Amino acid sequence: MELSVIIVSWNCSEELKLCLGSLRAALAGMDAETIVIDNASSDGTPGMVRELFPEVRLVANRDNRGFAAANNQGIGLGGGEYLLLLNPDAVLSASAVEGLLGFMRSVPEAGAAGPAFSPSAGLPPRIRPGIYRFPRAKDELLLDTFLGDLASLLAGLARRRGRAPAAEPSSGPVETHWISGACMLVRRKAAEAAGPLDERFFLYMEELEWCYRLRLAGWKVFVLPGVGVVHTGGASSSKLSGAHISALFYESRYKYFAKHWPRGAVLLLRAAKAGLMAVTLLLTLPACLLPGAAGTGARSRAAGTAAVLPVVLGLRPARR
């Protein structure tokens, strides 16, 4: 078999229905299989899949095992030479799968490839410059802190003055550090060389960490701007609060740092990040008193920052 498509779902029945409908058309005539791993959904997802998509191989887990563990389940069950990890809130064009497969067939050094994404069918797919780069200390200290706010403000002023022209979008394959697990085609040989997804990552960063090991094993990773996929995003995570999502994200982020960075560097980064976030929280508090959308946004940010601080410091894990 050439292709195994693996979809991990959790309480996103309607999105999964659209995804599987688009996939049915995209896989027409291919030597392919589709495997859905459902992480104990309570919205009737397993019944919907059995009724509307009987060709799909369904595994209904009794508990939520997380993204990495459930994908490893699917990879173990699949028999394809290529593995397509697909989010349930992704909708494929009829040519998307063939576009990804065609590239992988023609580039033997490619271990993984992904498309450009669009948030809706009415918008063109695009790639944000620099997004698919492994995080550096500088990136971490700017992310979600007042330093990042200041950097964004200065960058915006520079663009208005014409000093920082926007990068020209690429139309050909772009070699990159990592690609999104929302739609990620991986050569099985590369997956076997890198090892399975790290199941200690419950949600977020698992595909980035996997790509890190793919590259260590000598494989290349590409984004294909010419292949577009609609990805609305948040089909499962939208069921959680913003603060909970932030805590899960940073828990995974620091698991990545702890796994691949020197211990001393991670300890310094934790301390610096926590200090910057504490200052950011203090600066945000006055805006929480504002009425309307401004106050709501500030309160949401303050709640997220407060939830993240103990996770960044390693004092407690994020709530499951």
Protein backbone atom coordinates (compact mmCIF):
# COMPACT_ATOMS: atom_id res chain seq x y z
CA MET A 1 0.00 0.00 0.00
CA GLU A 2 1.28 3.45 -0.88
CA LEU A 3 -0.49 5.73 1.60
CA SER A 4 -1.96 5.56 5.10
CA VAL A 5 -3.93 8.61 6.25
CA ILE A 6 -4.14 8.99 10.03
CA ILE A 7 -6.59 11.36 11.69
CA VAL A 8 -6.78 11.88 15.46
CA SER A 9 -10.11 13.28 16.65
CA TRP A 10 -11.56 14.57 19.91
CA ASN A 11 -15.06 16.05 20.04
CA CYS A 12 -15.08 17.49 16.53
CA SER A 13 -17.67 15.39 14.72
CA GLU A 14 -18.85 18.07 12.29
CA GLU A 15 -15.34 19.11 11.27
CA LEU A 16 -14.30 15.48 10.86
CA LYS A 17 -17.31 14.85 8.60
CA LEU A 18 -16.14 17.60 6.22
CA CYS A 19 -12.55 16.37 6.39
CA LEU A 20 -13.45 12.77 5.57
CA GLY A 21 -15.73 13.89 2.75
CA SER A 22 -12.91 15.86 1.13
CA LEU A 23 -10.50 12.99 1.73
CA ARG A 24 -12.80 10.49 0.05
CA ALA A 25 -12.62 12.55 -3.14
CA ALA A 26 -8.88 13.24 -2.84
CA LEU A 27 -8.04 9.53 -2.46
CA ALA A 28 -10.23 8.31 -5.33
CA GLY A 29 -8.32 5.70 -7.34
CA MET A 30 -5.31 5.68 -5.00
CA ASP A 31 -3.79 2.72 -3.19
CA ALA A 32 -4.62 4.23 0.20
CA GLU A 33 -6.34 3.67 3.53
CA THR A 34 -7.81 6.01 6.13
CA ILE A 35 -7.49 5.40 9.87
CA VAL A 36 -9.34 7.51 12.45
CA ILE A 37 -8.17 7.33 16.05
CA ASP A 38 -10.84 8.84 18.27
CA ASN A 39 -9.68 9.95 21.72
CA ALA A 40 -12.85 9.21 23.72
CA SER A 41 -15.11 11.81 22.10
CA SER A 42 -18.46 12.45 23.75
CA ASP A 43 -20.13 14.04 20.70
CA GLY A 44 -21.00 10.89 18.76
CA THR A 45 -17.91 10.92 16.54
CA PRO A 46 -17.45 7.10 16.38
CA GLY A 47 -21.07 6.56 15.38
CA MET A 48 -20.86 9.24 12.69
CA VAL A 49 -17.75 7.65 11.19
CA ARG A 50 -19.26 4.15 11.20
CA GLU A 51 -22.47 5.35 9.58
CA LEU A 52 -21.19 7.76 6.93
CA PHE A 53 -17.68 6.47 6.22
CA PRO A 54 -17.73 2.67 6.50
CA GLU A 55 -14.51 2.43 4.46
CA VAL A 56 -12.60 4.15 7.27
CA ARG A 57 -10.79 2.04 9.84
CA LEU A 58 -11.92 3.40 13.23
CA VAL A 59 -10.25 2.97 16.60
CA ALA A 60 -12.30 4.36 19.50
CA ASN A 61 -10.04 4.89 22.51
CA ARG A 62 -11.58 4.75 25.97
CA ASP A 63 -9.59 7.78 27.13
CA ASN A 64 -7.90 10.81 25.61
CA ARG A 65 -4.38 9.63 24.89
CA GLY A 66 -3.22 12.88 23.31
CA PHE A 67 -2.10 13.71 19.79
CA ALA A 68 1.28 11.96 19.75
CA ALA A 69 0.17 8.68 21.31
CA ALA A 70 -2.91 8.42 19.10
CA ASN A 71 -0.92 9.13 15.94
CA ASN A 72 1.55 6.45 16.94
CA GLN A 73 -1.41 4.07 17.21
CA GLY A 74 -2.42 4.91 13.66
CA ILE A 75 1.10 4.66 12.32
CA GLY A 76 1.43 1.20 13.87
CA LEU A 77 -1.82 0.06 12.27
CA GLY A 78 -1.16 1.55 8.83
CA GLY A 79 0.61 -0.28 6.06
CA GLY A 80 1.46 2.61 3.76
CA GLU A 81 4.85 3.54 2.37
CA TYR A 82 3.83 7.14 3.15
CA LEU A 83 2.01 8.40 6.24
CA LEU A 84 -0.29 11.42 6.05
CA LEU A 85 -1.02 12.90 9.47
CA LEU A 86 -4.15 15.01 9.08
CA ASN A 87 -6.13 17.14 11.51
CA PRO A 88 -9.91 16.64 11.54
CA ASP A 89 -10.45 20.35 10.82
CA ALA A 90 -8.49 20.23 7.55
CA VAL A 91 -10.32 20.16 4.22
CA LEU A 92 -8.41 18.90 1.17
CA SER A 93 -8.76 19.89 -2.45
CA ALA A 94 -9.06 17.03 -4.94
CA SER A 95 -5.41 17.46 -5.95
CA ALA A 96 -3.80 18.09 -2.54
CA VAL A 97 -2.80 14.52 -1.68
CA GLU A 98 -1.46 13.83 -5.17
CA GLY A 99 0.52 17.07 -5.02
CA LEU A 100 2.20 16.04 -1.77
CA LEU A 101 2.80 12.47 -2.92
CA GLY A 102 4.15 13.56 -6.30
CA PHE A 103 6.74 15.74 -4.61
CA MET A 104 7.82 13.00 -2.20
CA ARG A 105 8.15 10.47 -5.02
CA SER A 106 10.41 12.82 -6.97
CA VAL A 107 12.61 13.98 -4.07
CA PRO A 108 14.08 10.92 -2.36
CA GLU A 109 15.89 12.94 0.30
CA ALA A 110 12.58 14.42 1.52
CA GLY A 111 11.49 12.84 4.78
CA ALA A 112 8.40 14.99 5.20
CA ALA A 113 6.40 17.60 3.32
CA GLY A 114 3.43 19.79 4.12
CA PRO A 115 1.18 22.26 2.29
CA ALA A 116 0.46 25.94 2.69
CA PHE A 117 -2.69 26.61 4.71
CA SER A 118 -5.71 28.80 4.29
CA PRO A 119 -8.12 29.58 7.17
CA SER A 120 -11.12 29.33 4.83
CA ALA A 121 -12.03 28.28 1.31
CA GLY A 122 -12.32 31.88 0.20
CA LEU A 123 -8.76 32.87 1.06
CA PRO A 124 -5.53 31.90 -0.75
CA PRO A 125 -3.08 29.64 1.11
CA ARG A 126 0.07 31.30 2.37
CA ILE A 127 3.18 30.69 4.44
CA ARG A 128 4.24 33.16 7.10
CA PRO A 129 7.99 33.84 6.79
CA GLY A 130 10.03 32.24 9.58
CA ILE A 131 7.16 30.37 11.20
CA TYR A 132 8.63 26.92 10.48
CA ARG A 133 11.92 27.47 12.28
CA PHE A 134 13.05 25.72 15.44
CA PRO A 135 12.66 28.10 18.41
CA ARG A 136 15.69 30.01 19.63
CA ALA A 137 16.21 31.70 23.00
CA LYS A 138 15.46 35.06 21.37
CA ASP A 139 12.16 33.76 20.02
CA GLU A 140 11.15 32.41 23.40
CA LEU A 141 11.92 35.66 25.22
CA LEU A 142 9.82 37.65 22.75
CA LEU A 143 6.87 35.25 22.64
CA ASP A 144 3.89 36.45 24.74
CA THR A 145 5.94 39.09 26.58
CA PHE A 146 6.09 42.88 26.53
CA LEU A 147 9.38 42.61 24.62
CA GLY A 148 7.50 40.88 21.83
CA ASP A 149 4.84 43.61 21.90
CA LEU A 150 7.56 46.23 21.58
CA ALA A 151 9.30 44.35 18.75
CA SER A 152 6.02 44.05 16.85
CA LEU A 153 5.34 47.76 17.27
CA LEU A 154 8.78 48.70 15.96
CA ALA A 155 8.47 46.28 13.04
CA GLY A 156 5.09 47.80 12.14
CA LEU A 157 6.54 51.31 12.20
CA ALA A 158 9.43 50.20 10.00
CA ARG A 159 7.04 48.70 7.46
CA ARG A 160 5.00 51.90 7.34
CA ARG A 161 8.15 53.87 6.64
CA GLY A 162 9.18 51.44 3.91
CA ARG A 163 12.27 50.20 5.71
CA ALA A 164 11.19 46.57 6.02
CA PRO A 165 9.56 45.38 2.80
CA ALA A 166 7.51 42.21 3.05
CA ALA A 167 9.24 39.05 1.83
CA GLU A 168 8.14 37.81 -1.58
CA PRO A 169 6.12 34.59 -1.26
CA SER A 170 7.72 31.53 -2.79
CA SER A 171 5.89 29.38 -5.31
CA GLY A 172 8.28 26.42 -5.26
CA PRO A 173 9.21 23.93 -2.51
CA VAL A 174 10.81 25.55 0.54
CA GLU A 175 13.15 23.55 2.74
CA THR A 176 12.34 24.28 6.35
CA HIS A 177 12.96 23.09 9.90
CA TRP A 178 9.51 21.65 10.63
CA ILE A 179 5.98 21.47 9.27
CA SER A 180 2.55 21.51 10.85
CA GLY A 181 0.98 18.24 11.94
CA ALA A 182 -2.34 19.57 10.60
CA CYS A 183 -1.32 18.03 7.26
CA MET A 184 2.03 16.30 7.29
CA LEU A 185 3.15 13.67 4.78
CA VAL A 186 6.01 11.55 6.11
CA ARG A 187 8.00 8.84 4.36
CA ARG A 188 7.76 5.68 6.48
CA LYS A 189 11.51 5.02 6.11
CA ALA A 190 12.16 8.47 7.58
CA ALA A 191 9.68 7.88 10.40
CA GLU A 192 11.38 4.60 11.26
CA ALA A 193 14.80 6.30 11.25
CA ALA A 194 13.62 9.10 13.56
CA GLY A 195 11.55 6.92 15.86
CA PRO A 196 7.92 7.43 16.90
CA LEU A 197 6.33 10.66 18.02
CA ASP A 198 7.29 11.38 21.63
CA GLU A 199 4.21 10.49 23.67
CA ARG A 200 5.29 12.72 26.56
CA PHE A 201 3.97 15.59 24.43
CA PHE A 202 0.21 15.56 25.08
CA LEU A 203 -0.67 18.44 22.76
CA TYR A 204 1.45 20.92 20.75
CA MET A 205 5.11 20.81 19.66
CA GLU A 206 5.09 17.07 18.98
CA GLU A 207 5.42 17.49 15.21
CA LEU A 208 8.17 20.09 15.64
CA GLU A 209 10.12 17.73 17.89
CA TRP A 210 9.57 14.87 15.44
CA CYS A 211 10.90 16.98 12.56
CA TYR A 212 13.95 17.80 14.69
CA ARG A 213 14.71 14.08 14.86
CA LEU A 214 13.90 13.55 11.20
CA ARG A 215 16.55 16.13 10.31
CA LEU A 216 19.02 14.61 12.79
CA ALA A 217 18.52 11.31 10.97
CA GLY A 218 19.57 12.99 7.70
CA TRP A 219 16.18 13.67 6.11
CA LYS A 220 14.95 16.98 4.69
CA VAL A 221 11.65 18.70 5.46
CA PHE A 222 9.73 20.86 2.98
CA VAL A 223 6.75 23.18 2.73
CA LEU A 224 5.00 23.20 -0.65
CA PRO A 225 3.34 26.60 -1.30
CA GLY A 226 1.82 25.20 -4.48
CA VAL A 227 -0.29 22.74 -2.48
CA GLY A 228 -3.10 24.38 -0.55
CA VAL A 229 -5.19 22.96 2.30
CA VAL A 230 -7.96 24.70 4.21
CA HIS A 231 -7.31 24.45 7.94
CA THR A 232 -9.75 26.29 10.19
CA GLY A 233 -7.78 25.38 13.32
CA GLY A 234 -8.90 24.78 16.87
CA ALA A 235 -11.54 22.11 16.26
CA SER A 236 -10.53 20.29 19.44
CA SER A 237 -8.63 22.99 21.34
CA SER A 238 -11.60 25.38 21.03
CA LYS A 239 -13.34 23.18 23.61
CA LEU A 240 -10.73 24.33 26.15
CA SER A 241 -10.20 27.74 27.76
CA GLY A 242 -7.51 30.05 26.44
CA ALA A 243 -5.58 29.77 29.70
CA HIS A 244 -5.68 25.97 29.55
CA ILE A 245 -4.45 25.98 25.95
CA SER A 246 -1.58 28.33 26.86
CA ALA A 247 -0.53 26.09 29.74
CA LEU A 248 -0.54 22.98 27.53
CA PHE A 249 1.44 24.81 24.84
CA TYR A 250 4.16 25.98 27.22
CA GLU A 251 4.37 22.61 28.95
CA SER A 252 5.17 21.02 25.59
CA ARG A 253 7.49 23.85 24.63
CA TYR A 254 9.66 23.34 27.70
CA LYS A 255 9.61 19.58 27.25
CA TYR A 256 11.16 20.24 23.85
CA PHE A 257 13.81 22.53 25.33
CA ALA A 258 14.57 20.04 28.11
CA LYS A 259 14.98 17.22 25.60
CA HIS A 260 17.25 18.98 23.13
CA TRP A 261 18.99 21.85 24.97
CA PRO A 262 21.64 21.75 27.74
CA ARG A 263 20.10 21.65 31.21
CA GLY A 264 21.80 24.85 32.34
CA ALA A 265 20.53 26.76 29.31
CA VAL A 266 16.97 25.58 30.00
CA LEU A 267 17.15 26.67 33.64
CA LEU A 268 18.35 30.14 32.61
CA LEU A 269 15.65 30.36 29.96
CA ARG A 270 12.93 29.37 32.46
CA ALA A 271 14.05 32.09 34.87
CA ALA A 272 14.31 34.79 32.20
CA LYS A 273 10.99 33.86 30.60
CA ALA A 274 9.17 33.79 33.92
CA GLY A 275 10.57 37.22 34.83
CA LEU A 276 9.46 38.72 31.53
CA MET A 277 6.01 37.16 31.82
CA ALA A 278 5.62 38.46 35.38
CA VAL A 279 6.42 41.99 34.19
CA THR A 280 4.04 41.53 31.26
CA LEU A 281 1.29 40.47 33.67
CA LEU A 282 1.83 43.58 35.81
CA LEU A 283 1.73 45.80 32.72
CA THR A 284 -1.48 44.12 31.58
CA LEU A 285 -3.42 44.50 34.84
CA PRO A 286 -4.45 48.18 34.42
CA ALA A 287 -5.99 47.42 31.01
CA CYS A 288 -8.12 44.71 32.62
CA LEU A 289 -10.24 47.50 34.12
CA LEU A 290 -11.16 48.91 30.71
CA PRO A 291 -14.70 48.36 29.39
CA GLY A 292 -15.59 46.47 26.23
CA ALA A 293 -13.32 44.44 23.98
CA ALA A 294 -10.11 46.05 25.23
CA GLY A 295 -10.77 44.99 28.81
CA THR A 296 -11.92 41.52 27.77
CA GLY A 297 -8.76 40.97 25.74
CA ALA A 298 -6.55 42.19 28.57
CA ARG A 299 -8.28 39.93 31.10
CA SER A 300 -7.90 36.95 28.79
CA ARG A 301 -4.20 37.67 28.35
CA ALA A 302 -3.70 38.12 32.08
CA ALA A 303 -5.44 34.80 32.81
CA GLY A 304 -3.30 33.03 30.23
CA THR A 305 -0.08 34.54 31.58
CA ALA A 306 -0.98 33.63 35.16
CA ALA A 307 -1.75 30.04 34.11
CA VAL A 308 1.52 29.74 32.22
CA LEU A 309 3.93 31.11 34.85
CA PRO A 310 4.06 28.01 37.11
CA VAL A 311 4.33 25.78 34.03
CA VAL A 312 7.27 27.79 32.68
CA LEU A 313 8.98 27.59 36.06
CA GLY A 314 8.42 23.83 36.15
CA LEU A 315 6.42 24.05 39.38
CA ARG A 316 3.45 22.07 38.05
CA PRO A 317 2.25 20.42 34.83
CA ALA A 318 -0.64 21.73 32.77
CA ARG A 319 -4.05 20.33 33.65
CA ARG A 320 -5.19 17.47 31.38
